[in-house]
């Protein structure tokens, strides 16, 4: 795995254990690091997909950073940001996400700017975009 990713999104979930398992099943992530909380549950986790990484934490676990974040569940399903990830095969990724119960909000299609992709929400409503368009390649 290339460790070139310089931006690592951090997402808060109400149920980190369920989110970790779901993200691995639906989107193909693998567990890189999982830190249990003394109170039970997950304090921090790092998941990887090829050379991409996301970090997860418990929503509002009482830390200062947690107080700065809101779940889409608290925002009536709205998001203030989304994640875009480059995948080699958007169609197979799309099918796997559907099988795991992802809510497809923009169906898979060929994009005018190149590539093929789709947009979905995960089990807690976070917005994810997956596609073959790689903005690093010209």
Protein backbone atom coordinates (compact mmCIF):
# COMPACT_ATOMS: atom_id res chain seq x y z
CA UNK A 1 0.00 0.00 0.00
CA UNK A 2 1.29 3.43 -0.94
CA UNK A 3 1.15 5.82 2.00
CA UNK A 4 0.78 8.98 -0.07
CA UNK A 5 -2.61 10.12 1.15
CA UNK A 6 -2.18 13.53 2.72
CA UNK A 7 -5.84 14.11 3.64
CA UNK A 8 -7.47 11.63 5.97
CA UNK A 9 -11.18 12.27 6.58
CA UNK A 10 -12.43 11.85 10.14
CA UNK A 11 -16.04 10.76 10.61
CA UNK A 12 -18.11 10.41 13.77
CA UNK A 13 -20.59 7.56 14.16
CA UNK A 14 -23.12 6.81 16.89
CA UNK A 15 -22.31 3.10 16.61
CA UNK A 16 -18.67 2.73 15.60
CA UNK A 17 -18.62 -1.06 15.90
CA UNK A 18 -21.49 -1.40 13.44
CA UNK A 19 -20.06 1.32 11.18
CA UNK A 20 -16.67 -0.40 10.98
CA UNK A 21 -18.16 -3.75 10.00
CA UNK A 22 -20.56 -2.11 7.53
CA UNK A 23 -17.88 0.04 5.86
CA UNK A 24 -15.66 -3.04 5.45
CA UNK A 25 -18.51 -5.07 3.94
CA UNK A 26 -20.14 -2.37 1.80
CA UNK A 27 -17.16 -0.34 0.61
CA UNK A 28 -14.24 -2.77 0.89
CA UNK A 29 -12.32 -1.08 3.72
CA UNK A 30 -9.99 -3.08 5.93
CA UNK A 31 -9.29 -2.46 9.62
CA UNK A 32 -5.92 -0.77 10.12
CA UNK A 33 -6.25 0.22 13.80
CA UNK A 34 -9.14 -0.10 16.25
CA UNK A 35 -8.80 1.45 19.73
CA UNK A 36 -11.45 0.38 22.25
CA UNK A 37 -12.93 2.91 24.66
CA UNK A 38 -12.63 2.39 28.42
CA UNK A 39 -16.40 2.97 28.58
CA UNK A 40 -17.01 0.24 26.00
CA UNK A 41 -17.29 0.62 22.27
CA UNK A 42 -14.71 2.19 19.99
CA UNK A 43 -12.76 5.34 20.83
CA UNK A 44 -10.87 5.58 17.52
CA UNK A 45 -10.47 3.51 14.37
CA UNK A 46 -8.55 3.74 11.14
CA UNK A 47 -9.80 1.95 8.04
CA UNK A 48 -7.91 1.64 4.74
CA UNK A 49 -8.89 1.05 1.14
CA UNK A 50 -5.80 0.67 -1.06
CA UNK A 51 -3.92 3.95 -0.40
CA UNK A 52 -6.92 5.73 1.19
CA UNK A 53 -7.64 6.00 4.89
CA UNK A 54 -10.56 7.23 6.97
CA UNK A 55 -10.62 7.67 10.73
CA UNK A 56 -13.72 7.04 12.82
CA UNK A 57 -14.73 7.98 16.31
CA UNK A 58 -17.75 7.88 18.57
CA UNK A 59 -20.12 10.79 17.98
CA UNK A 60 -19.81 13.29 20.85
CA UNK A 61 -17.84 11.07 23.19
CA UNK A 62 -17.20 14.08 25.39
CA UNK A 63 -13.93 15.24 23.85
CA UNK A 64 -13.49 18.76 22.51
CA UNK A 65 -13.16 17.64 18.88
CA UNK A 66 -16.27 15.49 19.13
CA UNK A 67 -18.30 18.52 20.20
CA UNK A 68 -17.40 20.20 16.90
CA UNK A 69 -18.93 17.44 14.76
CA UNK A 70 -22.50 16.44 14.07
CA UNK A 71 -23.90 13.31 12.55
CA UNK A 72 -26.25 13.55 9.56
CA UNK A 73 -28.74 11.87 11.92
CA UNK A 74 -28.66 15.09 13.98
CA UNK A 75 -28.98 17.30 10.89
CA UNK A 76 -32.15 15.78 9.44
CA UNK A 77 -30.07 13.77 6.96
CA UNK A 78 -28.07 16.73 5.63
CA UNK A 79 -24.31 16.60 5.16
CA UNK A 80 -21.84 19.47 5.22
CA UNK A 81 -19.19 17.53 3.30
CA UNK A 82 -18.78 14.29 1.40
CA UNK A 83 -15.97 11.88 0.61
CA UNK A 84 -14.87 11.01 -2.93
CA UNK A 85 -12.84 7.85 -3.43
CA UNK A 86 -11.30 6.54 -6.62
CA UNK A 87 -12.13 2.88 -7.30
CA UNK A 88 -10.93 0.67 -10.15
CA UNK A 89 -14.33 -0.86 -10.96
CA UNK A 90 -17.26 1.40 -10.12
CA UNK A 91 -19.88 -1.14 -11.23
CA UNK A 92 -18.73 -3.94 -8.92
CA UNK A 93 -18.23 -1.46 -6.07
CA UNK A 94 -21.76 -0.15 -6.66
CA UNK A 95 -23.25 -3.66 -6.57
CA UNK A 96 -21.44 -4.50 -3.34
CA UNK A 97 -22.66 -1.27 -1.71
CA UNK A 98 -26.26 -1.99 -2.74
CA UNK A 99 -26.04 -5.54 -1.38
CA UNK A 100 -24.90 -4.13 1.99
CA UNK A 101 -27.83 -1.70 2.08
CA UNK A 102 -26.23 1.59 1.01
CA UNK A 103 -28.80 4.24 0.10
CA UNK A 104 -28.02 5.21 -3.48
CA UNK A 105 -28.76 8.92 -3.87
CA UNK A 106 -27.18 9.46 -7.32
CA UNK A 107 -27.26 6.35 -9.49
CA UNK A 108 -24.17 5.05 -11.25
CA UNK A 109 -23.41 6.79 -14.54
CA UNK A 110 -20.68 7.82 -16.92
CA UNK A 111 -19.59 11.36 -16.09
CA UNK A 112 -19.15 14.12 -18.69
CA UNK A 113 -15.72 14.93 -17.24
CA UNK A 114 -14.62 11.27 -17.49
CA UNK A 115 -14.93 8.20 -15.37
CA UNK A 116 -17.94 6.39 -13.99
CA UNK A 117 -19.34 6.73 -10.50
CA UNK A 118 -22.18 6.97 -8.01
CA UNK A 119 -23.12 8.63 -4.73
CA UNK A 120 -24.62 6.95 -1.68
CA UNK A 121 -25.27 7.33 2.03
CA UNK A 122 -23.92 4.92 4.60
CA UNK A 123 -25.84 3.40 7.49
CA UNK A 124 -25.79 6.69 9.46
CA UNK A 125 -26.33 8.99 6.49
CA UNK A 126 -22.77 10.13 5.68
CA UNK A 127 -22.41 10.97 1.99
CA UNK A 128 -19.89 8.97 -0.07
CA UNK A 129 -18.94 9.27 -3.75
CA UNK A 130 -17.13 6.47 -5.58
CA UNK A 131 -15.86 6.61 -9.12
CA UNK A 132 -13.17 5.72 -11.61
CA UNK A 133 -12.30 9.35 -12.33
CA UNK A 134 -8.89 10.07 -10.84
CA UNK A 135 -8.18 13.81 -10.60
CA UNK A 136 -4.43 13.11 -10.21
CA UNK A 137 -4.23 11.59 -13.68
CA UNK A 138 -4.49 13.73 -16.76
